[in-house]
Amino acid sequence: MRRYVQAQELSRLPLLQRAEVLDVLYVGYGLAVLALVFASYLIGAFGWLPHDPRAIDVALINAAPFTPGHLLGTDFLGRDLQARLILGIQAYFLPGLLAIGALLLVLFRVRAGERRAAGIPLAIAAATVAVPLAIALATPGKDFVLARNLLPALVPLLVAVAVGCTLPAARRIGAVLGVALVAYSLGFSAWASLSPALQRPDWDAVATTLGEPTTPRAMVTWTIGEASLRYYLSTGSFQARPSEGFAWWVGEVDFVSEGEAPPPPRRLLGLGFRQTAFEQVGRLWVRRYERAVPGLAPLRLRALRRARLGFRSNGALLDGIGPG
């Protein structure tokens, strides 16, 4: 009877008096994160971004946090990480709110043992996020905050969210949150599978656009894309590397870029080349340069690999060619 009376008296106390210090810290942290996410969502929704999230600056590749003008630094293409983070928050705002709602159920509608069961995966998730972030901050110029490094946090987070949604005390609220999260996940998966912008480049169409070589040529594109393009070409092309030390001579140079990249500087090709074609193939663009005068010209392979094509690293395919 004493325990019943004490429980009844405890339930009549205000929420702040009933909550433990750790509970208040959890809630305060969650509300702070929620406020930050909501503010970032509004900034992105109204277009108040510090920089264009797609703008590439090769002079500031992998800039460290707190670089002037770039609070969180830049990525491997020199794009502002703060602007890209704000833009990414827009896509995850709704599921983030639903997940936070499920975690709040863990804080307020569970017994101590159930709270500990949810706290273990939350601690694991926090560690998997904090470790690559700490490494990135401690080693300027290297980016460890990559999707593949943060994926281990997904499973423990899902476990904690599932605990909150399936608690007996959660009742209808937990069911609604769980159904909403499942519906959003299915819809997002369908959209990602059907959206043309998220599919792999159509290298078959690129190979058709390039066609058969009429002269020794080089095709400059993404390093990983070389293998796909070479698969669809029927010309016996091969990858060329500056370390091999050969002097290659060509009469045509084709640039395959992600998006509408600017024309390469004239010094990359040398005298005698002129642009003869520039067309879009899906999300890729093909820009062709051919010799305006008879004869071949030496290929500046090292310089071409540094051309701004919107890729992380460039490579070159050669066909109809032999070393000079």
Protein backbone atom coordinates (compact mmCIF):
# COMPACT_ATOMS: atom_id res chain seq x y z
CA MET A 1 0.00 0.00 0.00
CA ARG A 2 2.84 2.38 0.81
CA ARG A 3 4.34 1.94 -2.64
CA TYR A 4 0.96 2.60 -4.24
CA VAL A 5 0.46 5.77 -2.25
CA GLN A 6 3.96 6.97 -3.04
CA ALA A 7 3.44 6.29 -6.74
CA GLN A 8 0.15 8.18 -6.64
CA GLU A 9 1.77 11.12 -4.89
CA LEU A 10 4.71 11.07 -7.34
CA SER A 11 2.38 11.17 -10.34
CA ARG A 12 0.79 14.38 -9.02
CA LEU A 13 4.13 16.20 -8.96
CA PRO A 14 5.01 18.57 -11.82
CA LEU A 15 6.95 17.03 -14.69
CA LEU A 16 10.21 18.81 -13.86
CA GLN A 17 10.08 17.53 -10.27
CA ARG A 18 9.39 13.99 -11.39
CA ALA A 19 12.20 13.98 -13.97
CA GLU A 20 15.72 12.98 -13.05
CA VAL A 21 18.72 15.14 -13.89
CA LEU A 22 19.73 12.81 -16.70
CA ASP A 23 16.24 13.00 -18.19
CA VAL A 24 16.44 16.81 -18.23
CA LEU A 25 19.82 16.65 -19.95
CA TYR A 26 18.49 14.25 -22.58
CA VAL A 27 15.48 16.44 -23.28
CA GLY A 28 17.57 19.62 -23.36
CA TYR A 29 20.00 18.07 -25.80
CA GLY A 30 17.17 16.81 -28.00
CA LEU A 31 15.44 20.20 -28.04
CA ALA A 32 18.72 21.94 -28.89
CA VAL A 33 19.30 19.58 -31.81
CA LEU A 34 15.70 20.02 -32.92
CA ALA A 35 16.02 23.82 -32.82
CA LEU A 36 19.25 23.68 -34.81
CA VAL A 37 17.73 21.34 -37.40
CA PHE A 38 14.59 23.47 -37.69
CA ALA A 39 16.65 26.65 -38.13
CA SER A 40 18.76 24.93 -40.80
CA TYR A 41 15.59 23.76 -42.54
CA LEU A 42 14.23 27.31 -42.68
CA ILE A 43 17.57 28.64 -43.97
CA GLY A 44 17.57 26.06 -46.76
CA ALA A 45 13.87 26.51 -47.56
CA PHE A 46 14.27 30.28 -48.05
CA GLY A 47 17.58 29.94 -49.90
CA TRP A 48 19.67 31.74 -47.27
CA LEU A 49 22.71 29.56 -47.91
CA PRO A 50 26.23 30.88 -47.28
CA HIS A 51 27.44 29.46 -50.62
CA ASP A 52 26.12 27.58 -53.62
CA PRO A 53 26.27 23.93 -52.43
CA ARG A 54 27.21 22.80 -55.96
CA ALA A 55 29.92 25.40 -56.61
CA ILE A 56 33.37 23.82 -57.09
CA ASP A 57 36.51 25.62 -55.95
CA VAL A 58 39.67 23.66 -56.78
CA ALA A 59 41.74 26.15 -54.77
CA LEU A 60 39.95 25.11 -51.56
CA ILE A 61 39.76 21.34 -51.82
CA ASN A 62 39.36 19.64 -48.40
CA ALA A 63 39.69 22.94 -46.55
CA ALA A 64 39.74 22.57 -42.75
CA PRO A 65 36.85 23.76 -40.55
CA PHE A 66 36.89 27.47 -39.65
CA THR A 67 38.56 28.35 -42.94
CA PRO A 68 37.64 32.00 -43.67
CA GLY A 69 34.30 31.99 -45.44
CA HIS A 70 33.76 28.25 -44.82
CA LEU A 71 32.74 27.49 -41.24
CA LEU A 72 32.75 23.70 -41.67
CA GLY A 73 35.38 23.60 -44.41
CA THR A 74 35.00 22.12 -47.90
CA ASP A 75 34.83 18.65 -49.43
CA PHE A 76 37.04 16.92 -52.02
CA LEU A 77 35.70 19.17 -54.78
CA GLY A 78 35.99 22.42 -52.83
CA ARG A 79 32.22 22.64 -52.18
CA ASP A 80 31.10 24.33 -48.97
CA LEU A 81 30.17 21.71 -46.36
CA GLN A 82 27.94 24.02 -44.35
CA ALA A 83 25.75 24.79 -47.38
CA ARG A 84 25.60 21.11 -48.34
CA LEU A 85 24.72 20.11 -44.77
CA ILE A 86 21.86 22.61 -44.66
CA LEU A 87 20.61 21.38 -48.02
CA GLY A 88 20.78 17.76 -46.86
CA ILE A 89 18.78 18.53 -43.71
CA GLN A 90 15.76 19.40 -45.88
CA ALA A 91 15.55 15.83 -47.16
CA TYR A 92 15.72 14.31 -43.67
CA PHE A 93 13.67 16.87 -41.75
CA LEU A 94 10.41 14.88 -41.63
CA PRO A 95 11.89 11.44 -40.77
CA GLY A 96 14.16 13.17 -38.26
CA LEU A 97 11.17 14.67 -36.47
CA LEU A 98 9.42 11.28 -36.42
CA ALA A 99 12.53 9.59 -35.04
CA ILE A 100 12.91 12.28 -32.37
CA GLY A 101 9.26 11.71 -31.41
CA ALA A 102 9.96 7.99 -30.97
CA LEU A 103 13.01 8.73 -28.82
CA LEU A 104 11.00 11.13 -26.66
CA LEU A 105 8.63 8.24 -25.95
CA VAL A 106 11.65 6.33 -24.66
CA LEU A 107 12.40 9.16 -22.23
CA PHE A 108 8.93 9.79 -20.88
CA ARG A 109 6.95 6.56 -21.22
CA VAL A 110 9.30 3.79 -20.16
CA ARG A 111 10.52 2.21 -17.01
CA ALA A 112 14.16 2.38 -15.99
CA GLY A 113 15.01 -1.01 -17.50
CA GLU A 114 13.43 -0.13 -20.84
CA ARG A 115 15.25 3.19 -20.89
CA ARG A 116 18.57 1.42 -20.40
CA ALA A 117 17.71 -0.98 -23.24
CA ALA A 118 17.25 1.99 -25.58
CA GLY A 119 20.22 3.88 -24.15
CA ILE A 120 22.75 1.23 -25.18
CA PRO A 121 22.11 1.48 -28.96
CA LEU A 122 21.91 5.28 -28.65
CA ALA A 123 25.36 5.34 -27.03
CA ILE A 124 26.73 3.11 -29.80
CA ALA A 125 25.22 5.38 -32.48
CA ALA A 126 26.67 8.48 -30.83
CA ALA A 127 30.13 6.90 -30.77
CA THR A 128 30.01 5.89 -34.45
CA VAL A 129 29.18 9.49 -35.39
CA ALA A 130 31.60 11.15 -32.96
CA VAL A 131 34.68 9.09 -33.89
CA PRO A 132 34.91 10.05 -37.62
CA LEU A 133 33.94 13.63 -36.76
CA ALA A 134 36.72 13.87 -34.17
CA ILE A 135 39.24 12.40 -36.63
CA ALA A 136 38.17 14.88 -39.31
CA LEU A 137 38.58 17.83 -36.93
CA ALA A 138 41.96 16.58 -35.70
CA THR A 139 43.42 16.03 -39.20
CA PRO A 140 42.79 19.08 -41.42
CA GLY A 141 42.74 18.32 -45.11
CA LYS A 142 41.29 14.83 -44.70
CA ASP A 143 37.57 14.14 -44.77
CA PHE A 144 36.51 11.18 -42.61
CA VAL A 145 32.85 12.24 -42.36
CA LEU A 146 31.68 10.11 -45.27
CA ALA A 147 28.42 8.22 -45.68
CA ARG A 148 30.15 4.85 -45.40
CA ASN A 149 31.71 5.91 -42.08
CA LEU A 150 28.34 6.96 -40.64
CA LEU A 151 26.32 3.96 -41.84
CA PRO A 152 27.21 1.90 -38.71
CA ALA A 153 25.18 4.41 -36.70
CA LEU A 154 22.02 3.59 -38.63
CA VAL A 155 21.35 0.15 -37.13
CA PRO A 156 21.58 1.15 -33.42
CA LEU A 157 19.50 4.27 -34.14
CA LEU A 158 16.81 2.13 -35.76
CA VAL A 159 16.86 -0.19 -32.75
CA ALA A 160 16.32 2.74 -30.37
CA VAL A 161 13.51 4.14 -32.56
CA ALA A 162 11.88 0.69 -32.72
CA VAL A 163 11.99 0.47 -28.91
CA GLY A 164 10.20 3.81 -28.65
CA CYS A 165 7.52 2.91 -31.21
CA THR A 166 6.73 -0.53 -29.75
CA LEU A 167 6.56 0.35 -26.05
CA PRO A 168 3.34 -0.78 -24.36
CA ALA A 169 2.92 2.71 -22.93
CA ALA A 170 3.38 4.36 -26.34
CA ARG A 171 0.07 2.98 -27.59
CA ARG A 172 -1.39 4.86 -30.53
CA ILE A 173 1.37 7.47 -30.66
CA GLY A 174 4.02 4.82 -31.16
CA ALA A 175 1.92 3.07 -33.82
CA VAL A 176 1.37 6.31 -35.73
CA LEU A 177 5.09 7.18 -35.62
CA GLY A 178 6.08 3.69 -36.73
CA VAL A 179 3.61 3.64 -39.64
CA ALA A 180 4.71 7.14 -40.72
CA LEU A 181 8.39 6.15 -40.70
CA VAL A 182 7.73 2.97 -42.70
CA ALA A 183 5.59 4.88 -45.23
CA TYR A 184 8.25 7.56 -45.63
CA SER A 185 10.98 4.94 -46.10
CA LEU A 186 8.99 3.09 -48.77
CA GLY A 187 8.16 6.33 -50.57
CA PHE A 188 11.74 7.55 -50.45
CA SER A 189 13.02 4.19 -51.74
CA ALA A 190 10.57 4.28 -54.65
CA TRP A 191 11.53 7.86 -55.47
CA ALA A 192 15.26 7.05 -55.36
CA SER A 193 14.72 4.08 -57.67
CA LEU A 194 12.66 6.05 -60.22
CA SER A 195 14.36 9.46 -60.16
CA PRO A 196 16.54 9.91 -63.27
CA ALA A 197 18.95 12.19 -61.38
CA LEU A 198 19.86 9.36 -58.97
CA GLN A 199 20.57 6.69 -61.56
CA ARG A 200 23.99 5.74 -62.88
CA PRO A 201 25.17 7.63 -65.97
CA ASP A 202 24.16 6.17 -69.32
CA TRP A 203 27.63 5.17 -70.49
CA ASP A 204 26.15 3.17 -73.36
CA ALA A 205 24.66 6.37 -74.80
CA VAL A 206 27.97 8.18 -74.23
CA ALA A 207 29.82 5.48 -76.18
CA THR A 208 27.27 5.79 -79.00
CA THR A 209 27.76 9.57 -79.06
CA LEU A 210 31.55 9.21 -79.25
CA GLY A 211 31.28 6.64 -82.04
CA GLU A 212 34.14 5.01 -83.88
CA PRO A 213 37.47 6.86 -83.91
CA THR A 214 38.51 8.51 -87.16
CA THR A 215 41.91 9.46 -85.73
CA PRO A 216 43.90 8.57 -82.61
CA ARG A 217 41.95 10.09 -79.73
CA ALA A 218 41.83 10.52 -75.95
CA MET A 219 38.66 10.50 -73.84
CA VAL A 220 38.99 12.29 -70.50
CA THR A 221 36.43 11.37 -67.86
CA TRP A 222 35.94 10.16 -64.29
CA THR A 223 38.55 7.63 -63.18
CA ILE A 224 35.93 5.04 -62.15
CA GLY A 225 33.82 5.86 -65.22
CA GLU A 226 36.68 4.79 -67.47
CA ALA A 227 35.88 1.13 -66.91
CA SER A 228 32.18 1.58 -67.76
CA LEU A 229 32.91 3.62 -70.89
CA ARG A 230 35.55 1.17 -72.06
CA TYR A 231 33.04 -1.68 -71.66
CA TYR A 232 30.58 -0.06 -74.08
CA LEU A 233 33.18 1.10 -76.60
CA SER A 234 33.99 -1.41 -79.34
CA THR A 235 37.24 0.25 -80.28
CA GLY A 236 39.80 -1.55 -78.11
CA SER A 237 40.39 1.45 -75.87
CA PHE A 238 42.76 1.29 -72.92
CA GLN A 239 43.57 3.37 -69.86
CA ALA A 240 46.62 5.62 -69.95
CA ARG A 241 48.60 6.67 -66.89
CA PRO A 242 51.21 9.43 -66.68
CA SER A 243 53.46 7.14 -64.63
CA GLU A 244 53.98 4.91 -67.69
CA GLY A 245 56.09 7.68 -69.26
CA PHE A 246 54.89 7.25 -72.86
CA ALA A 247 54.47 10.22 -75.22
CA TRP A 248 51.01 9.85 -76.76
CA TRP A 249 49.99 11.67 -79.97
CA VAL A 250 46.33 12.35 -80.79
CA GLY A 251 44.15 14.18 -83.29
CA GLU A 252 41.03 14.33 -81.08
CA VAL A 253 40.33 14.88 -77.39
CA ASP A 254 36.85 14.27 -75.90
CA PHE A 255 35.82 15.51 -72.46
CA VAL A 256 32.98 13.71 -70.65
CA SER A 257 31.83 15.82 -67.69
CA GLU A 258 29.31 15.62 -64.86
CA GLY A 259 27.06 18.57 -65.67
CA GLU A 260 27.84 21.41 -68.03
CA ALA A 261 31.50 21.91 -67.16
CA PRO A 262 33.35 24.98 -68.49
CA PRO A 263 35.59 24.56 -71.55
CA PRO A 264 39.09 23.39 -70.66
CA PRO A 265 41.86 26.00 -70.85
CA ARG A 266 43.55 26.16 -74.24
CA ARG A 267 46.89 25.29 -72.68
CA LEU A 268 45.58 21.80 -71.87
CA LEU A 269 45.26 20.96 -75.56
CA GLY A 270 47.83 23.16 -77.21
CA LEU A 271 47.57 24.89 -80.56
CA GLY A 272 45.65 23.46 -83.47
CA PHE A 273 42.59 22.07 -81.62
CA ARG A 274 39.08 23.48 -82.03
CA GLN A 275 35.75 22.49 -80.51
CA THR A 276 33.57 20.58 -82.96
CA ALA A 277 30.75 19.25 -80.74
CA PHE A 278 29.15 19.84 -77.36
CA GLU A 279 26.04 17.86 -76.45
CA GLN A 280 24.19 16.50 -73.44
CA VAL A 281 23.87 12.75 -72.93
CA GLY A 282 21.57 12.20 -69.95
CA ARG A 283 23.22 13.89 -67.01
CA LEU A 284 26.63 13.85 -68.70
CA TRP A 285 28.03 16.24 -71.28
CA VAL A 286 30.39 15.41 -74.14
CA ARG A 287 32.71 18.13 -75.47
CA ARG A 288 34.80 17.21 -78.53
CA TYR A 289 37.98 18.86 -79.78
CA GLU A 290 39.61 17.97 -83.10
CA ARG A 291 42.72 19.11 -84.89
CA ALA A 292 42.01 21.98 -87.29
CA VAL A 293 45.16 21.20 -89.25
CA PRO A 294 46.52 17.88 -90.52
CA GLY A 295 48.68 15.82 -88.24
CA LEU A 296 48.72 14.82 -84.59
CA ALA A 297 49.70 16.66 -81.42
CA PRO A 298 51.27 15.43 -78.16
CA LEU A 299 48.80 14.62 -75.40
CA ARG A 300 49.39 16.50 -72.13
CA LEU A 301 48.16 13.67 -69.98
CA ARG A 302 49.19 15.00 -66.57
CA ALA A 303 47.52 18.37 -67.19
CA LEU A 304 44.33 16.78 -68.57
CA ARG A 305 43.89 14.73 -65.43
CA ARG A 306 43.54 18.02 -63.50
CA ALA A 307 40.80 19.45 -65.75
CA ARG A 308 37.63 20.66 -63.98
CA LEU A 309 35.00 18.16 -65.12
CA GLY A 310 32.95 17.89 -61.92
CA PHE A 311 34.51 14.57 -60.90
CA ARG A 312 36.67 13.67 -57.93
CA SER A 313 39.51 12.53 -60.18
CA ASN A 314 39.99 12.35 -63.93
CA GLY A 315 41.35 9.58 -66.09
CA ALA A 316 42.03 9.14 -69.80
CA LEU A 317 41.07 6.43 -72.26
CA LEU A 318 42.99 6.10 -75.53
CA ASP A 319 42.02 4.26 -78.68
CA GLY A 320 43.32 4.03 -82.22
CA ILE A 321 46.69 5.08 -80.84
CA GLY A 322 50.18 3.90 -80.05
CA PRO A 323 53.07 5.43 -78.10
CA GLY A 324 55.25 7.87 -79.98
